Amino acid sequence: MIRQFLSTAFLAAALPVSILLAGCHTAPNNPAASSSDGSYKTYKLRGKVISTNPATQEVTVQHNAIPGFMEAMTMPYKVKDPNILSELHPGDTITADLLVSQHDDATILLDHIVVVAQSRPDYKPTSIYHVPTPGDQVPDFQLRNQDGHLIRLSQFRGQQLLITFIYTRCPLPNFCPRVTRNFAALNQRITADPNLTGKTHLLCVTFDPQNDTPQRLRAYGAQYIGSDAKEAFAHWDFAVPTEDVLHKMALFFDIGLTPEPDQTITHTLSTTLIGPDGKVLNFYPGNDWTVDQVFTDVKQSAQHS
């Protein structure tokens, strides 16, 4: 499915369009095309669309060198979700995940396609998205946490706040569960460090307010924390926004969301480290960030706060 948006980070460059295609489900035309089971290795691709071929479900891309995989060249790639081909046009500049099979079939697929410069001047974006940039002031969003209490981002001023977005029904282990596991590892390392305890708070926000009640979030969080005790959530909240607040948070934190007919949610991943002053310190799109990387950022920023 397709998320079409315009990121404000690109507004100064002739209003390029970003179209993000991501998911928490495998495209039905490619039932084996999943990078979450370890059978695919992911590389980052950037290039220009030359043509599309719906009959073969391929897009031909003139792309830059792909570090660790191939030199710059022009070649056709099969897309994971053929429905996106109608949204791609010759001349579009794209970024994408190149999924390379680790089995003998040598399958190669394009997924998570983003149009960062759009060739059709008549295109109008459906929403204007903001890409968090260091120094950006984060709005004071209000949510309800796993205990049913109203919380606001402003109450964490004076601490670092690491915020990410998930939903409890996410079926792919490489998406929401992976991010939450990483947060669990960070929670352990942060609470074990006396220089960070009390200075850093974790927050998982669901983008499924229809299903993720505070009670469900508490049960979900307890699985990762390893305890349902009240003090277990002292440094890590799980919270649900209203639909209106969710929309505003999605725009600010650059999250593409599309509810699917099968009740799953096609979505992007977004994690942000916010400083004690309520301003963005670091932004980690996708799921490629590591626990070591973010923990190092947390420690370094804590030393200067």
C-alpha atoms as a PDB file:
ATOM      1  CA  MET A   1       0.000   0.000   0.000  1.00  0.00           C
ATOM      2  CA  ILE A   2       1.079   3.566  -0.595  1.00  0.00           C
ATOM      3  CA  ARG A   3       1.699   6.414   1.778  1.00  0.00           C
ATOM      4  CA  GLN A   4       2.052   9.694  -0.093  1.00  0.00           C
ATOM      5  CA  PHE A   5       3.506  12.628   1.771  1.00  0.00           C
ATOM      6  CA  LEU A   6       5.626  15.716   1.408  1.00  0.00           C
ATOM      7  CA  SER A   7       8.398  16.100   3.960  1.00  0.00           C
ATOM      8  CA  THR A   8       9.106  19.645   5.050  1.00  0.00           C
ATOM      9  CA  ALA A   9      12.819  18.865   4.942  1.00  0.00           C
ATOM     10  CA  PHE A  10      12.496  18.974   1.137  1.00  0.00           C
ATOM     11  CA  LEU A  11      10.346  22.112   0.796  1.00  0.00           C
ATOM     12  CA  ALA A  12      13.309  24.314  -0.039  1.00  0.00           C
ATOM     13  CA  ALA A  13      14.290  22.082  -2.953  1.00  0.00           C
ATOM     14  CA  ALA A  14      11.531  22.732  -5.485  1.00  0.00           C
ATOM     15  CA  LEU A  15       8.907  20.923  -3.423  1.00  0.00           C
ATOM     16  CA  PRO A  16       9.967  17.311  -4.115  1.00  0.00           C
ATOM     17  CA  VAL A  17       7.477  14.618  -3.117  1.00  0.00           C
ATOM     18  CA  SER A  18       8.095  11.657  -0.840  1.00  0.00           C
ATOM     19  CA  ILE A  19       6.053   8.509  -1.362  1.00  0.00           C
ATOM     20  CA  LEU A  20       6.740   5.900   1.257  1.00  0.00           C
ATOM     21  CA  LEU A  21       5.746   2.300   0.796  1.00  0.00           C
ATOM     22  CA  ALA A  22       6.245   0.112   3.836  1.00  0.00           C
ATOM     23  CA  GLY A  23       4.363  -2.564   5.644  1.00  0.00           C
ATOM     24  CA  CYS A  24       3.630  -4.865   8.486  1.00  0.00           C
ATOM     25  CA  HIS A  25       2.539  -7.569   6.098  1.00  0.00           C
ATOM     26  CA  THR A  26       3.923  -9.399   3.089  1.00  0.00           C
ATOM     27  CA  ALA A  27       2.555  -8.405  -0.291  1.00  0.00           C
ATOM     28  CA  PRO A  28       0.135 -11.103  -1.467  1.00  0.00           C
ATOM     29  CA  ASN A  29       1.763 -11.417  -4.906  1.00  0.00           C
ATOM     30  CA  ASN A  30       5.093 -12.254  -3.279  1.00  0.00           C
ATOM     31  CA  PRO A  31       4.267 -14.515  -0.313  1.00  0.00           C
ATOM     32  CA  ALA A  32       7.887 -15.464   0.229  1.00  0.00           C
ATOM     33  CA  ALA A  33       9.246 -11.955   0.044  1.00  0.00           C
ATOM     34  CA  SER A  34      10.003 -11.169   3.655  1.00  0.00           C
ATOM     35  CA  SER A  35      13.240  -9.770   5.047  1.00  0.00           C
ATOM     36  CA  SER A  36      12.149 -10.506   8.632  1.00  0.00           C
ATOM     37  CA  ASP A  37      13.051 -14.208   8.577  1.00  0.00           C
ATOM     38  CA  GLY A  38      16.731 -13.677   7.764  1.00  0.00           C
ATOM     39  CA  SER A  39      16.415 -15.122   4.246  1.00  0.00           C
ATOM     40  CA  TYR A  40      16.948 -11.668   2.699  1.00  0.00           C
ATOM     41  CA  LYS A  41      19.836  -9.257   3.175  1.00  0.00           C
ATOM     42  CA  THR A  42      18.949  -5.570   2.911  1.00  0.00           C
ATOM     43  CA  TYR A  43      20.942  -2.958   1.000  1.00  0.00           C
ATOM     44  CA  LYS A  44      20.154   0.735   0.491  1.00  0.00           C
ATOM     45  CA  LEU A  45      19.478   1.915  -3.074  1.00  0.00           C
ATOM     46  CA  ARG A  46      19.177   5.421  -4.496  1.00  0.00           C
ATOM     47  CA  GLY A  47      18.568   6.210  -8.134  1.00  0.00           C
ATOM     48  CA  LYS A  48      16.287   7.498 -10.897  1.00  0.00           C
ATOM     49  CA  VAL A  49      13.302   5.681 -12.345  1.00  0.00           C
ATOM     50  CA  ILE A  50      13.787   4.961 -16.058  1.00  0.00           C
ATOM     51  CA  SER A  51      10.604   2.992 -16.708  1.00  0.00           C
ATOM     52  CA  THR A  52       8.033   0.682 -15.140  1.00  0.00           C
ATOM     53  CA  ASN A  53       6.600  -2.580 -16.456  1.00  0.00           C
ATOM     54  CA  PRO A  54       3.382  -3.747 -14.759  1.00  0.00           C
ATOM     55  CA  ALA A  55       3.395  -6.969 -16.800  1.00  0.00           C
ATOM     56  CA  THR A  56       6.655  -8.114 -15.228  1.00  0.00           C
ATOM     57  CA  GLN A  57       6.095  -6.175 -11.959  1.00  0.00           C
ATOM     58  CA  GLU A  58       9.415  -4.409 -12.462  1.00  0.00           C
ATOM     59  CA  VAL A  59      10.852  -0.919 -12.312  1.00  0.00           C
ATOM     60  CA  THR A  60      14.041  -0.069 -14.166  1.00  0.00           C
ATOM     61  CA  VAL A  61      16.327   2.131 -12.083  1.00  0.00           C
ATOM     62  CA  GLN A  62      19.529   3.989 -12.905  1.00  0.00           C
ATOM     63  CA  HIS A  63      21.112   3.839  -9.462  1.00  0.00           C
ATOM     64  CA  ASN A  64      24.225   4.807  -7.593  1.00  0.00           C
ATOM     65  CA  ALA A  65      26.721   2.242  -6.373  1.00  0.00           C
ATOM     66  CA  ILE A  66      25.289   0.000  -3.667  1.00  0.00           C
ATOM     67  CA  PRO A  67      28.033  -0.410  -1.044  1.00  0.00           C
ATOM     68  CA  GLY A  68      28.886  -4.041  -0.477  1.00  0.00           C
ATOM     69  CA  PHE A  69      26.784  -5.302  -3.367  1.00  0.00           C
ATOM     70  CA  MET A  70      27.252  -3.739  -6.826  1.00  0.00           C
ATOM     71  CA  GLU A  71      28.568  -0.777  -8.753  1.00  0.00           C
ATOM     72  CA  ALA A  72      26.376   1.957 -10.240  1.00  0.00           C
ATOM     73  CA  MET A  73      24.267   0.684 -13.134  1.00  0.00           C
ATOM     74  CA  THR A  74      20.867   0.666 -14.797  1.00  0.00           C
ATOM     75  CA  MET A  75      18.766  -2.469 -14.451  1.00  0.00           C
ATOM     76  CA  PRO A  76      15.205  -3.687 -13.801  1.00  0.00           C
ATOM     77  CA  TYR A  77      14.111  -4.758 -10.315  1.00  0.00           C
ATOM     78  CA  LYS A  78      10.970  -6.607  -9.322  1.00  0.00           C
ATOM     79  CA  VAL A  79       9.003  -4.711  -6.673  1.00  0.00           C
ATOM     80  CA  LYS A  80       7.689  -6.370  -3.539  1.00  0.00           C
ATOM     81  CA  ASP A  81       4.275  -4.730  -3.931  1.00  0.00           C
ATOM     82  CA  PRO A  82       3.281  -4.388  -7.618  1.00  0.00           C
ATOM     83  CA  ASN A  83       0.553  -1.876  -6.703  1.00  0.00           C
ATOM     84  CA  ILE A  84       3.165   0.844  -6.315  1.00  0.00           C
ATOM     85  CA  LEU A  85       4.149   0.838  -9.969  1.00  0.00           C
ATOM     86  CA  SER A  86       1.302   3.202 -10.873  1.00  0.00           C
ATOM     87  CA  GLU A  87       2.799   5.764  -8.473  1.00  0.00           C
ATOM     88  CA  LEU A  88       6.276   5.704 -10.023  1.00  0.00           C
ATOM     89  CA  HIS A  89       7.108   7.786 -13.092  1.00  0.00           C
ATOM     90  CA  PRO A  90      10.188   8.142 -15.326  1.00  0.00           C
ATOM     91  CA  GLY A  91      12.469  10.749 -13.847  1.00  0.00           C
ATOM     92  CA  ASP A  92      11.436  10.185 -10.222  1.00  0.00           C
ATOM     93  CA  THR A  93      14.388   9.973  -7.841  1.00  0.00           C
ATOM     94  CA  ILE A  94      13.862   7.188  -5.322  1.00  0.00           C
ATOM     95  CA  THR A  95      15.445   5.524  -2.339  1.00  0.00           C
ATOM     96  CA  ALA A  96      14.530   1.946  -1.468  1.00  0.00           C
ATOM     97  CA  ASP A  97      15.508  -1.205   0.372  1.00  0.00           C
ATOM     98  CA  LEU A  98      17.041  -3.774  -1.962  1.00  0.00           C
ATOM     99  CA  LEU A  99      16.185  -7.227  -0.598  1.00  0.00           C
ATOM    100  CA  VAL A 100      18.626  -9.885  -1.775  1.00  0.00           C
ATOM    101  CA  SER A 101      17.775 -13.531  -1.185  1.00  0.00           C
ATOM    102  CA  GLN A 102      20.340 -15.495   0.781  1.00  0.00           C
ATOM    103  CA  HIS A 103      19.141 -18.719  -0.848  1.00  0.00           C
ATOM    104  CA  ASP A 104      20.128 -20.227  -4.190  1.00  0.00           C
ATOM    105  CA  ASP A 105      17.192 -18.661  -6.061  1.00  0.00           C
ATOM    106  CA  ALA A 106      18.993 -15.252  -6.017  1.00  0.00           C
ATOM    107  CA  THR A 107      15.710 -13.336  -5.739  1.00  0.00           C
ATOM    108  CA  ILE A 108      16.099  -9.549  -5.648  1.00  0.00           C
ATOM    109  CA  LEU A 109      13.214  -7.238  -4.682  1.00  0.00           C
ATOM    110  CA  LEU A 110      12.675  -3.528  -4.061  1.00  0.00           C
ATOM    111  CA  ASP A 111      10.751  -2.547  -0.921  1.00  0.00           C
ATOM    112  CA  HIS A 112      10.117   0.595   1.189  1.00  0.00           C
ATOM    113  CA  ILE A 113      10.331   2.883  -1.847  1.00  0.00           C
ATOM    114  CA  VAL A 114      10.507   6.620  -1.186  1.00  0.00           C
ATOM    115  CA  VAL A 115      10.211   9.181  -4.001  1.00  0.00           C
ATOM    116  CA  VAL A 116      12.493  11.976  -2.828  1.00  0.00           C
ATOM    117  CA  ALA A 117      12.266  14.053  -6.012  1.00  0.00           C
ATOM    118  CA  GLN A 118       9.136  13.754  -8.133  1.00  0.00           C
ATOM    119  CA  SER A 119       9.140  14.319 -11.882  1.00  0.00           C
ATOM    120  CA  ARG A 120       5.477  15.229 -12.342  1.00  0.00           C
ATOM    121  CA  PRO A 121       4.926  18.927 -11.512  1.00  0.00           C
ATOM    122  CA  ASP A 122       1.149  18.433 -11.260  1.00  0.00           C
ATOM    123  CA  TYR A 123       1.377  16.038  -8.313  1.00  0.00           C
ATOM    124  CA  LYS A 124      -0.214  17.289  -5.085  1.00  0.00           C
ATOM    125  CA  PRO A 125       0.768  15.602  -1.816  1.00  0.00           C
ATOM    126  CA  THR A 126      -1.985  14.389   0.500  1.00  0.00           C
ATOM    127  CA  SER A 127      -0.170  15.393   3.699  1.00  0.00           C
ATOM    128  CA  ILE A 128       2.835  17.462   4.674  1.00  0.00           C
ATOM    129  CA  TYR A 129       5.192  15.442   6.862  1.00  0.00           C
ATOM    130  CA  HIS A 130       8.021  16.724   9.021  1.00  0.00           C
ATOM    131  CA  VAL A 131      11.330  14.876   9.340  1.00  0.00           C
ATOM    132  CA  PRO A 132      12.688  15.389  12.889  1.00  0.00           C
ATOM    133  CA  THR A 133      15.939  17.338  12.770  1.00  0.00           C
ATOM    134  CA  PRO A 134      18.305  18.099  15.666  1.00  0.00           C
ATOM    135  CA  GLY A 135      17.186  21.329  17.326  1.00  0.00           C
ATOM    136  CA  ASP A 136      13.507  21.003  16.408  1.00  0.00           C
ATOM    137  CA  GLN A 137      11.178  21.796  19.299  1.00  0.00           C
ATOM    138  CA  VAL A 138       8.854  18.841  19.936  1.00  0.00           C
ATOM    139  CA  PRO A 139       5.175  19.703  20.507  1.00  0.00           C
ATOM    140  CA  ASP A 140       3.708  18.899  23.919  1.00  0.00           C
ATOM    141  CA  PHE A 141       1.604  15.895  22.901  1.00  0.00           C
ATOM    142  CA  GLN A 142      -0.792  14.354  25.432  1.00  0.00           C
ATOM    143  CA  LEU A 143      -1.324  10.591  25.715  1.00  0.00           C
ATOM    144  CA  ARG A 144      -2.749   7.982  28.090  1.00  0.00           C
ATOM    145  CA  ASN A 145      -0.245   5.486  29.490  1.00  0.00           C
ATOM    146  CA  GLN A 146      -0.471   1.818  30.431  1.00  0.00           C
ATOM    147  CA  ASP A 147      -1.948   2.732  33.825  1.00  0.00           C
ATOM    148  CA  GLY A 148      -4.679   4.873  32.252  1.00  0.00           C
ATOM    149  CA  HIS A 149      -3.007   8.097  33.405  1.00  0.00           C
ATOM    150  CA  LEU A 150      -2.769  11.150  31.174  1.00  0.00           C
ATOM    151  CA  ILE A 151       0.831  12.053  30.409  1.00  0.00           C
ATOM    152  CA  ARG A 152       2.386  14.871  28.398  1.00  0.00           C
ATOM    153  CA  LEU A 153       5.787  15.015  26.765  1.00  0.00           C
ATOM    154  CA  SER A 154       6.518  18.180  28.722  1.00  0.00           C
ATOM    155  CA  GLN A 155       6.537  16.215  31.986  1.00  0.00           C
ATOM    156  CA  PHE A 156       9.793  14.604  30.870  1.00  0.00           C
ATOM    157  CA  ARG A 157      11.586  17.947  30.553  1.00  0.00           C
ATOM    158  CA  GLY A 158      14.874  17.739  32.386  1.00  0.00           C
ATOM    159  CA  GLN A 159      15.344  14.166  31.178  1.00  0.00           C
ATOM    160  CA  GLN A 160      16.208  12.688  27.842  1.00  0.00           C
ATOM    161  CA  LEU A 161      13.192  11.079  26.190  1.00  0.00           C
ATOM    162  CA  LEU A 162      13.575   8.251  23.706  1.00  0.00           C
ATOM    163  CA  ILE A 163      10.305   7.825  21.835  1.00  0.00           C
ATOM    164  CA  THR A 164       9.272   5.229  19.249  1.00  0.00           C
ATOM    165  CA  PHE A 165       6.039   3.994  17.657  1.00  0.00           C
ATOM    166  CA  ILE A 166       4.588   0.474  17.623  1.00  0.00           C
ATOM    167  CA  TYR A 167       1.348  -1.451  17.715  1.00  0.00           C
ATOM    168  CA  THR A 168       0.790  -4.612  19.713  1.00  0.00           C
ATOM    169  CA  ARG A 169      -0.754  -6.644  16.868  1.00  0.00           C
ATOM    170  CA  CYS A 170       2.185  -6.119  14.499  1.00  0.00           C
ATOM    171  CA  PRO A 171       2.776  -9.566  12.926  1.00  0.00           C
ATOM    172  CA  LEU A 172       6.315  -9.121  11.615  1.00  0.00           C
ATOM    173  CA  PRO A 173       9.152  -9.708  14.109  1.00  0.00           C
ATOM    174  CA  ASN A 174      11.456  -7.336  12.238  1.00  0.00           C
ATOM    175  CA  PHE A 175       9.162  -4.339  12.731  1.00  0.00           C
ATOM    176  CA  CYS A 176       7.444  -3.392  16.017  1.00  0.00           C
ATOM    177  CA  PRO A 177       8.696  -6.415  18.022  1.00  0.00           C
ATOM    178  CA  ARG A 178      12.286  -5.705  16.966  1.00  0.00           C
ATOM    179  CA  VAL A 179      12.043  -2.057  17.991  1.00  0.00           C
ATOM    180  CA  THR A 180      10.460  -3.001  21.335  1.00  0.00           C
ATOM    181  CA  ARG A 181      13.162  -5.623  21.968  1.00  0.00           C
ATOM    182  CA  ASN A 182      15.763  -2.946  21.315  1.00  0.00           C
ATOM    183  CA  PHE A 183      14.009  -0.670  23.785  1.00  0.00           C
ATOM    184  CA  ALA A 184      14.012  -3.498  26.351  1.00  0.00           C
ATOM    185  CA  ALA A 185      17.767  -3.882  25.916  1.00  0.00           C
ATOM    186  CA  LEU A 186      18.214  -0.112  26.234  1.00  0.00           C
ATOM    187  CA  ASN A 187      16.039  -0.072  29.341  1.00  0.00           C
ATOM    188  CA  GLN A 188      18.263  -2.678  30.990  1.00  0.00           C
ATOM    189  CA  ARG A 189      21.456  -0.834  30.119  1.00  0.00           C
ATOM    190  CA  ILE A 190      20.121   2.568  31.138  1.00  0.00           C
ATOM    191  CA  THR A 191      18.740   1.413  34.501  1.00  0.00           C
ATOM    192  CA  ALA A 192      22.048  -0.346  35.223  1.00  0.00           C
ATOM    193  CA  ASP A 193      24.004   2.881  34.689  1.00  0.00           C
ATOM    194  CA  PRO A 194      23.825   5.224  37.714  1.00  0.00           C
ATOM    195  CA  ASN A 195      24.751   8.155  35.485  1.00  0.00           C
ATOM    196  CA  LEU A 196      21.662   7.577  33.331  1.00  0.00           C
ATOM    197  CA  THR A 197      19.046   6.338  35.797  1.00  0.00           C
ATOM    198  CA  GLY A 198      16.537   9.103  36.331  1.00  0.00           C
ATOM    199  CA  LYS A 199      17.979  11.091  33.441  1.00  0.00           C
ATOM    200  CA  THR A 200      16.486   9.081  30.571  1.00  0.00           C
ATOM    201  CA  HIS A 201      12.926   7.923  29.954  1.00  0.00           C
ATOM    202  CA  LEU A 202      11.612   5.541  27.276  1.00  0.00           C
ATOM    203  CA  LEU A 203       8.231   5.888  25.604  1.00  0.00           C
ATOM    204  CA  CYS A 204       6.497   3.523  23.152  1.00  0.00           C
ATOM    205  CA  VAL A 205       3.475   5.114  21.494  1.00  0.00           C
ATOM    206  CA  THR A 206       0.924   2.958  19.703  1.00  0.00           C
ATOM    207  CA  PHE A 207      -0.554   4.026  16.386  1.00  0.00           C
ATOM    208  CA  ASP A 208      -3.499   1.638  16.880  1.00  0.00           C
ATOM    209  CA  PRO A 209      -5.761   3.516  19.338  1.00  0.00           C
ATOM    210  CA  GLN A 210      -8.799   1.456  18.357  1.00  0.00           C
ATOM    211  CA  ASN A 211      -7.272  -1.731  19.730  1.00  0.00           C
ATOM    212  CA  ASP A 212      -4.357  -0.807  21.989  1.00  0.00           C
ATOM    213  CA  THR A 213      -6.069   0.079  25.251  1.00  0.00           C
ATOM    214  CA  PRO A 214      -3.975   0.968  28.309  1.00  0.00           C
ATOM    215  CA  GLN A 215      -4.633  -2.546  29.645  1.00  0.00           C
ATOM    216  CA  ARG A 216      -3.373  -4.161  26.453  1.00  0.00           C
ATOM    217  CA  LEU A 217      -0.333  -1.889  26.391  1.00  0.00           C
ATOM    218  CA  ARG A 218       0.486  -2.830  29.979  1.00  0.00           C
ATOM    219  CA  ALA A 219       0.325  -6.545  29.173  1.00  0.00           C
ATOM    220  CA  TYR A 220       2.433  -5.987  26.039  1.00  0.00           C
ATOM    221  CA  GLY A 221       5.005  -3.928  27.917  1.00  0.00           C
ATOM    222  CA  ALA A 222       5.256  -6.445  30.761  1.00  0.00           C
ATOM    223  CA  GLN A 223       6.310  -9.112  28.261  1.00  0.00           C
ATOM    224  CA  TYR A 224       9.338  -7.051  27.278  1.00  0.00           C
ATOM    225  CA  ILE A 225      10.173  -5.621  30.689  1.00  0.00           C
ATOM    226  CA  GLY A 226       9.793  -9.020  32.314  1.00  0.00           C
ATOM    227  CA  SER A 227       7.517  -7.787  35.091  1.00  0.00           C
ATOM    228  CA  ASP A 228       4.040  -6.373  35.612  1.00  0.00           C
ATOM    229  CA  ALA A 229       4.994  -4.632  38.840  1.00  0.00           C
ATOM    230  CA  LYS A 230       4.193  -0.931  39.026  1.00  0.00           C
ATOM    231  CA  GLU A 231       7.844   0.028  39.513  1.00  0.00           C
ATOM    232  CA  ALA A 232       8.774  -1.920  36.381  1.00  0.00           C
ATOM    233  CA  PHE A 233       7.336   0.932  34.295  1.00  0.00           C
ATOM    234  CA  ALA A 234       9.152   3.639  36.249  1.00  0.00           C
ATOM    235  CA  HIS A 235      11.479   4.473  33.363  1.00  0.00           C
ATOM    236  CA  TRP A 236       9.449   3.166  30.419  1.00  0.00           C
ATOM    237  CA  ASP A 237       5.889   4.086  29.450  1.00  0.00           C
ATOM    238  CA  PHE A 238       3.602   2.603  26.819  1.00  0.00           C
ATOM    239  CA  ALA A 239       0.955   5.081  25.735  1.00  0.00           C
ATOM    240  CA  VAL A 240      -1.963   5.587  23.385  1.00  0.00           C
ATOM    241  CA  PRO A 241      -2.974   8.922  21.797  1.00  0.00           C
ATOM    242  CA  THR A 242      -6.393   9.954  20.596  1.00  0.00           C
ATOM    243  CA  GLU A 243      -6.961   9.743  16.831  1.00  0.00           C
ATOM    244  CA  ASP A 244      -6.452  13.498  16.503  1.00  0.00           C
ATOM    245  CA  VAL A 245      -3.189  13.495  18.455  1.00  0.00           C
ATOM    246  CA  LEU A 246      -2.003  10.414  16.576  1.00  0.00           C
ATOM    247  CA  HIS A 247      -2.446  12.237  13.280  1.00  0.00           C
ATOM    248  CA  LYS A 248      -0.413  15.198  14.537  1.00  0.00           C
ATOM    249  CA  MET A 249       2.313  12.934  15.948  1.00  0.00           C
ATOM    250  CA  ALA A 250       2.499  10.990  12.692  1.00  0.00           C
ATOM    251  CA  LEU A 251       3.050  14.219  10.783  1.00  0.00           C
ATOM    252  CA  PHE A 252       5.697  15.497  13.194  1.00  0.00           C
ATOM    253  CA  PHE A 253       7.611  12.224  13.597  1.00  0.00           C
ATOM    254  CA  ASP A 254       7.425  11.260   9.904  1.00  0.00           C
ATOM    255  CA  ILE A 255       5.279   8.128  10.301  1.00  0.00           C
ATOM    256  CA  GLY A 256       3.339   6.809   7.323  1.00  0.00           C
ATOM    257  CA  LEU A 257       0.215   4.887   8.362  1.00  0.00           C
ATOM    258  CA  THR A 258      -2.310   2.998   6.257  1.00  0.00           C
ATOM    259  CA  PRO A 259      -4.936   0.668   7.805  1.00  0.00           C
ATOM    260  CA  GLU A 260      -5.362  -2.492   5.721  1.00  0.00           C
ATOM    261  CA  PRO A 261      -8.484  -4.592   5.032  1.00  0.00           C
ATOM    262  CA  ASP A 262      -6.993  -7.481   7.017  1.00  0.00           C
ATOM    263  CA  GLN A 263      -6.805  -5.227  10.121  1.00  0.00           C
ATOM    264  CA  THR A 264      -3.023  -4.859   9.934  1.00  0.00           C
ATOM    265  CA  ILE A 265      -1.417  -1.430   9.578  1.00  0.00           C
ATOM    266  CA  THR A 266       1.067  -0.585   6.865  1.00  0.00           C
ATOM    267  CA  HIS A 267       3.516   1.770   8.531  1.00  0.00           C
ATOM    268  CA  THR A 268       6.979   3.216   8.703  1.00  0.00           C
ATOM    269  CA  LEU A 269       9.218   3.144  11.763  1.00  0.00           C
ATOM    270  CA  SER A 270      10.352   6.241  13.632  1.00  0.00           C
ATOM    271  CA  THR A 271      12.509   6.625  16.748  1.00  0.00           C
ATOM    272  CA  THR A 272      13.626   9.976  18.166  1.00  0.00           C
ATOM    273  CA  LEU A 273      15.928  11.000  21.007  1.00  0.00           C
ATOM    274  CA  ILE A 274      14.671  14.214  22.624  1.00  0.00           C
ATOM    275  CA  GLY A 275      16.872  16.295  24.886  1.00  0.00           C
ATOM    276  CA  PRO A 276      16.060  17.631  28.378  1.00  0.00           C
ATOM    277  CA  ASP A 277      15.034  20.929  26.746  1.00  0.00           C
ATOM    278  CA  GLY A 278      12.349  19.212  24.660  1.00  0.00           C
ATOM    279  CA  LYS A 279      14.281  19.531  21.403  1.00  0.00           C
ATOM    280  CA  VAL A 280      15.271  16.762  18.987  1.00  0.00           C
ATOM    281  CA  LEU A 281      18.775  15.386  19.517  1.00  0.00           C
ATOM    282  CA  ASN A 282      18.775  12.479  17.054  1.00  0.00           C
ATOM    283  CA  PHE A 283      16.324  10.849  14.659  1.00  0.00           C
ATOM    284  CA  TYR A 284      16.507   7.149  13.729  1.00  0.00           C
ATOM    285  CA  PRO A 285      14.205   6.233  10.833  1.00  0.00           C
ATOM    286  CA  GLY A 286      13.487   2.605  10.042  1.00  0.00           C
ATOM    287  CA  ASN A 287      14.765  -0.349  12.026  1.00  0.00           C
ATOM    288  CA  ASP A 288      18.450  -0.333  11.127  1.00  0.00           C
ATOM    289  CA  TRP A 289      19.605   1.463  14.269  1.00  0.00           C
ATOM    290  CA  THR A 290      21.325  -0.629  16.926  1.00  0.00           C
ATOM    291  CA  VAL A 291      21.159  -0.705  20.707  1.00  0.00           C
ATOM    292  CA  ASP A 292      24.855   0.163  20.910  1.00  0.00           C
ATOM    293  CA  GLN A 293      24.410   3.154  18.603  1.00  0.00           C
ATOM    294  CA  VAL A 294      21.508   4.667  20.510  1.00  0.00           C
ATOM    295  CA  PHE A 295      22.959   3.860  23.931  1.00  0.00           C
ATOM    296  CA  THR A 296      26.150   5.678  22.935  1.00  0.00           C
ATOM    297  CA  ASP A 297      24.096   8.699  21.849  1.00  0.00           C
ATOM    298  CA  VAL A 298      22.171   8.626  25.122  1.00  0.00           C
ATOM    299  CA  LYS A 299      25.368   8.498  27.187  1.00  0.00           C
ATOM    300  CA  GLN A 300      27.055  11.261  25.205  1.00  0.00           C
ATOM    301  CA  SER A 301      24.099  13.615  25.397  1.00  0.00           C
ATOM    302  CA  ALA A 302      23.645  12.905  29.118  1.00  0.00           C
ATOM    303  CA  GLN A 303      27.233  13.973  29.733  1.00  0.00           C
ATOM    304  CA  HIS A 304      26.496  17.360  28.206  1.00  0.00           C
ATOM    305  CA  SER A 305      23.153  17.944  29.864  1.00  0.00           C
END
